[in-house]
Amino acid sequence: MNLSFFDQFSSPSLLGIPLILISLTFPALLLPSLTNRWITNRLSTLQLWFINQVTKQLMSPLGEKGHKWALILTSLMIFLLLVNLLGLLPYTFTPTTQLSMNLALAFPLWLATLLTGLRNQPSTSLGHLLPEGTPTLLIPALILIETTSLLIRPLALGVRLTANLTAGHLLIQLISTASVTMFPTMPTLSLLTLVILLLLTILEVAVAMIQAYVFVLLLSLYLQENI
């Protein structure tokens, strides 16, 4: 029984072929297709307004140099948001519950921000490893601590996203299983559990949106340090 709870996190396959690529490309179908007009209906108007708001929120702390990252950060935000929300639908697979995928997104982008800082302002970037006024005896230990905290940033990004989504999916499955199991013997308690499940589902929708925003926001903050 315990193993069945985690079956939802295994990548589905057909004839030995993983179907995770279909899960990753499906959100693109929800985006408006290119036409001769900027706005074709109310849905595209809402999508463009949302993209505009997200871009302004992410780019406002950055300078003009950071605006070059607007396309990739906004695209990543929309991609994570759609994948997280679609994963809450029944009988679907959530690719962002896979730590390997989240690390594959976090590590290259974190490394790009780090290399950007080392190329444009190497003294300032390396200066973050040793704050001004540090006692001489603490310099080796502090450099080691700051270097470690710098290197675990992509791991923290991936683990945070994976852990939050995995915990939410497990809670939903546990409470829904308990509600169905108790219905024949304790219908009142089962209905109460169903109400809790509804509230938890609403909470998970909010978590899916917040985690997508936090993932990209932290990347923008790392970029801000290096430009």
Protein backbone atom coordinates (compact mmCIF):
# COMPACT_ATOMS: atom_id res chain seq x y z
CA MET A 1 0.00 0.00 0.00
CA ASN A 2 2.82 2.36 0.82
CA LEU A 3 4.42 1.78 -2.54
CA SER A 4 1.18 2.59 -4.39
CA PHE A 5 1.20 6.11 -2.95
CA PHE A 6 4.48 6.80 -4.76
CA ASP A 7 3.46 5.21 -8.06
CA GLN A 8 2.09 8.58 -9.17
CA PHE A 9 5.63 9.98 -9.17
CA SER A 10 7.05 7.35 -11.54
CA SER A 11 7.36 8.49 -15.13
CA PRO A 12 4.67 6.85 -17.31
CA SER A 13 5.79 4.86 -20.32
CA LEU A 14 4.27 3.23 -23.38
CA LEU A 15 6.05 0.25 -24.93
CA GLY A 16 9.10 1.15 -22.91
CA ILE A 17 9.11 4.76 -24.18
CA PRO A 18 8.89 7.43 -21.44
CA LEU A 19 5.95 9.77 -21.91
CA ILE A 20 7.44 12.58 -19.84
CA LEU A 21 8.29 14.50 -23.02
CA ILE A 22 4.59 14.64 -23.89
CA SER A 23 3.89 15.95 -20.39
CA LEU A 24 6.47 18.68 -20.93
CA THR A 25 5.24 19.75 -24.36
CA PHE A 26 1.50 19.66 -23.60
CA PRO A 27 1.45 23.05 -21.76
CA ALA A 28 2.53 24.72 -25.00
CA LEU A 29 -0.88 23.85 -26.46
CA LEU A 30 -2.53 26.16 -23.92
CA LEU A 31 -0.63 29.20 -25.13
CA PRO A 32 -2.16 31.38 -27.87
CA SER A 33 -1.00 30.65 -31.39
CA LEU A 34 0.62 33.34 -33.50
CA THR A 35 -1.71 35.30 -35.76
CA ASN A 36 -1.66 38.58 -37.66
CA ARG A 37 -3.28 40.33 -34.67
CA TRP A 38 -1.80 40.81 -31.21
CA ILE A 39 -5.10 40.15 -29.42
CA THR A 40 -7.69 37.75 -30.83
CA ASN A 41 -10.02 37.07 -27.86
CA ARG A 42 -10.45 37.65 -24.14
CA LEU A 43 -8.31 34.65 -23.22
CA SER A 44 -5.31 35.95 -25.14
CA THR A 45 -5.88 39.38 -23.58
CA LEU A 46 -5.79 37.83 -20.10
CA GLN A 47 -2.68 35.81 -20.94
CA LEU A 48 -0.85 38.84 -22.29
CA TRP A 49 -1.81 40.87 -19.21
CA PHE A 50 -0.54 38.11 -16.92
CA ILE A 51 2.75 37.77 -18.83
CA ASN A 52 3.21 41.54 -18.70
CA GLN A 53 2.67 41.62 -14.92
CA VAL A 54 5.06 38.72 -14.31
CA THR A 55 7.74 40.30 -16.48
CA LYS A 56 7.47 43.63 -14.63
CA GLN A 57 7.66 41.93 -11.23
CA LEU A 58 10.76 39.94 -12.20
CA MET A 59 12.59 42.69 -14.07
CA SER A 60 11.88 45.65 -11.78
CA PRO A 61 14.75 44.90 -9.33
CA LEU A 62 17.20 44.32 -12.18
CA GLY A 63 19.03 46.94 -14.15
CA GLU A 64 19.07 47.37 -17.89
CA LYS A 65 21.63 44.59 -18.27
CA GLY A 66 19.30 42.15 -16.55
CA HIS A 67 16.49 42.84 -19.01
CA LYS A 68 18.22 40.54 -21.49
CA TRP A 69 17.05 37.69 -19.26
CA ALA A 70 13.38 38.71 -19.44
CA LEU A 71 12.44 36.20 -22.13
CA ILE A 72 14.02 33.14 -20.53
CA LEU A 73 12.84 33.94 -16.98
CA THR A 74 9.27 34.72 -18.05
CA SER A 75 9.11 31.62 -20.25
CA LEU A 76 10.40 29.48 -17.38
CA MET A 77 7.83 30.98 -15.02
CA ILE A 78 4.92 30.25 -17.38
CA PHE A 79 6.24 26.74 -18.11
CA LEU A 80 6.54 25.82 -14.42
CA LEU A 81 3.17 27.36 -13.65
CA LEU A 82 1.34 25.39 -16.35
CA VAL A 83 3.12 22.11 -15.54
CA ASN A 84 2.39 22.46 -11.81
CA LEU A 85 -1.28 23.29 -12.34
CA LEU A 86 -1.87 20.58 -14.94
CA GLY A 87 -0.32 18.05 -12.56
CA LEU A 88 -3.22 18.62 -10.15
CA LEU A 89 -5.72 17.20 -12.63
CA PRO A 90 -6.79 13.57 -12.08
CA TYR A 91 -4.83 10.85 -13.87
CA THR A 92 -2.03 13.19 -14.87
CA PHE A 93 1.71 13.15 -14.27
CA THR A 94 3.62 16.10 -12.80
CA PRO A 95 7.15 16.31 -14.25
CA THR A 96 8.21 18.86 -11.63
CA THR A 97 7.96 16.22 -8.89
CA GLN A 98 11.12 14.71 -10.38
CA LEU A 99 14.25 16.03 -8.68
CA SER A 100 16.38 15.25 -11.74
CA MET A 101 14.27 17.51 -13.94
CA ASN A 102 14.23 20.38 -11.44
CA LEU A 103 18.00 20.18 -11.04
CA ALA A 104 18.34 20.15 -14.83
CA LEU A 105 16.45 23.45 -14.87
CA ALA A 106 18.14 25.02 -11.84
CA PHE A 107 21.80 24.14 -12.34
CA PRO A 108 22.41 25.58 -15.86
CA LEU A 109 20.58 28.82 -15.07
CA TRP A 110 22.37 29.25 -11.74
CA LEU A 111 25.70 28.55 -13.45
CA ALA A 112 24.86 31.10 -16.15
CA THR A 113 24.22 33.80 -13.53
CA LEU A 114 27.46 32.91 -11.77
CA LEU A 115 29.53 33.01 -14.96
CA THR A 116 27.90 36.31 -15.90
CA GLY A 117 29.11 37.83 -12.65
CA LEU A 118 32.60 36.38 -12.99
CA ARG A 119 32.88 37.78 -16.51
CA ASN A 120 31.44 41.25 -15.91
CA GLN A 121 32.59 42.00 -12.36
CA PRO A 122 34.96 39.31 -11.07
CA SER A 123 36.17 41.31 -8.05
CA THR A 124 32.64 41.98 -6.78
CA SER A 125 31.50 38.39 -7.38
CA LEU A 126 34.46 36.93 -5.53
CA GLY A 127 34.06 39.58 -2.83
CA HIS A 128 30.77 37.97 -1.77
CA LEU A 129 32.81 35.04 -0.45
CA LEU A 130 34.58 37.25 2.11
CA PRO A 131 32.63 40.12 3.73
CA GLU A 132 34.55 43.26 4.57
CA GLY A 133 35.94 43.48 8.09
CA THR A 134 36.23 39.73 8.68
CA PRO A 135 38.79 38.80 11.37
CA THR A 136 41.93 37.15 10.01
CA LEU A 137 41.41 33.91 11.92
CA LEU A 138 37.91 33.46 10.49
CA ILE A 139 38.87 34.06 6.84
CA PRO A 140 39.52 30.39 5.83
CA ALA A 141 36.40 29.09 7.59
CA LEU A 142 34.21 31.89 6.25
CA ILE A 143 35.40 31.41 2.68
CA LEU A 144 34.60 27.69 2.97
CA ILE A 145 31.13 28.39 4.38
CA GLU A 146 30.28 31.02 1.76
CA THR A 147 31.53 28.79 -1.05
CA THR A 148 29.42 25.90 0.21
CA SER A 149 26.33 28.11 0.49
CA LEU A 150 26.95 29.33 -3.06
CA LEU A 151 27.32 25.83 -4.49
CA ILE A 152 24.18 24.42 -2.87
CA ARG A 153 21.93 27.10 -4.36
CA PRO A 154 20.86 25.03 -7.39
CA LEU A 155 20.31 22.01 -5.13
CA ALA A 156 18.11 24.11 -2.84
CA LEU A 157 16.11 25.36 -5.83
CA GLY A 158 15.43 21.85 -7.11
CA VAL A 159 14.74 20.27 -3.72
CA ARG A 160 12.37 23.08 -2.67
CA LEU A 161 10.21 22.70 -5.77
CA THR A 162 10.25 18.89 -5.65
CA ALA A 163 9.51 18.62 -1.92
CA ASN A 164 6.59 21.06 -1.91
CA LEU A 165 4.83 19.48 -4.88
CA THR A 166 5.51 15.91 -3.73
CA ALA A 167 4.20 16.59 -0.22
CA GLY A 168 1.03 18.17 -1.60
CA HIS A 169 0.31 15.29 -3.96
CA LEU A 170 0.87 12.75 -1.18
CA LEU A 171 -1.47 14.60 1.19
CA ILE A 172 -4.19 14.77 -1.46
CA GLN A 173 -3.89 11.04 -2.17
CA LEU A 174 -3.83 10.09 1.52
CA ILE A 175 -6.89 12.18 2.42
CA SER A 176 -8.84 11.05 -0.66
CA THR A 177 -8.05 7.39 0.12
CA ALA A 178 -9.17 7.88 3.72
CA SER A 179 -12.40 9.55 2.60
CA VAL A 180 -13.31 6.71 0.23
CA THR A 181 -12.37 4.03 2.78
CA MET A 182 -14.46 5.55 5.59
CA PHE A 183 -17.55 6.27 3.51
CA PRO A 184 -19.31 2.85 3.98
CA THR A 185 -18.83 2.81 7.78
CA MET A 186 -18.58 6.50 8.79
CA PRO A 187 -20.26 8.64 6.10
CA THR A 188 -20.35 11.79 8.25
CA LEU A 189 -16.64 11.67 8.94
CA SER A 190 -16.02 10.83 5.30
CA LEU A 191 -17.89 13.95 4.15
CA LEU A 192 -15.91 16.04 6.63
CA THR A 193 -12.71 14.59 5.20
CA LEU A 194 -13.98 15.43 1.72
CA VAL A 195 -14.38 19.08 2.75
CA ILE A 196 -10.80 19.04 4.06
CA LEU A 197 -9.71 17.55 0.74
CA LEU A 198 -11.41 20.37 -1.17
CA LEU A 199 -9.67 22.99 0.97
CA LEU A 200 -6.34 21.19 0.54
CA THR A 201 -6.81 21.13 -3.23
CA ILE A 202 -7.35 24.89 -3.25
CA LEU A 203 -4.22 25.26 -1.12
CA GLU A 204 -2.26 23.10 -3.55
CA VAL A 205 -3.31 25.30 -6.47
CA ALA A 206 -1.87 28.25 -4.57
CA VAL A 207 1.29 26.28 -3.73
CA ALA A 208 1.76 25.31 -7.39
CA MET A 209 1.60 28.96 -8.43
CA ILE A 210 3.77 30.23 -5.58
CA GLN A 211 6.49 27.64 -6.09
CA ALA A 212 6.77 28.46 -9.78
CA TYR A 213 7.12 32.15 -8.89
CA VAL A 214 9.63 31.52 -6.08
CA PHE A 215 11.81 29.35 -8.34
CA VAL A 216 12.14 32.10 -10.95
CA LEU A 217 12.30 34.89 -8.36
CA LEU A 218 15.32 33.32 -6.66
CA LEU A 219 17.03 32.97 -10.03
CA SER A 220 16.41 36.66 -10.69
CA LEU A 221 17.88 37.50 -7.26
CA TYR A 222 20.99 35.44 -8.06
CA LEU A 223 21.22 37.32 -11.32
CA GLN A 224 20.86 40.65 -9.51
CA GLU A 225 23.89 39.83 -7.36
CA ASN A 226 26.03 39.25 -10.44
CA ILE A 227 25.12 42.24 -12.59
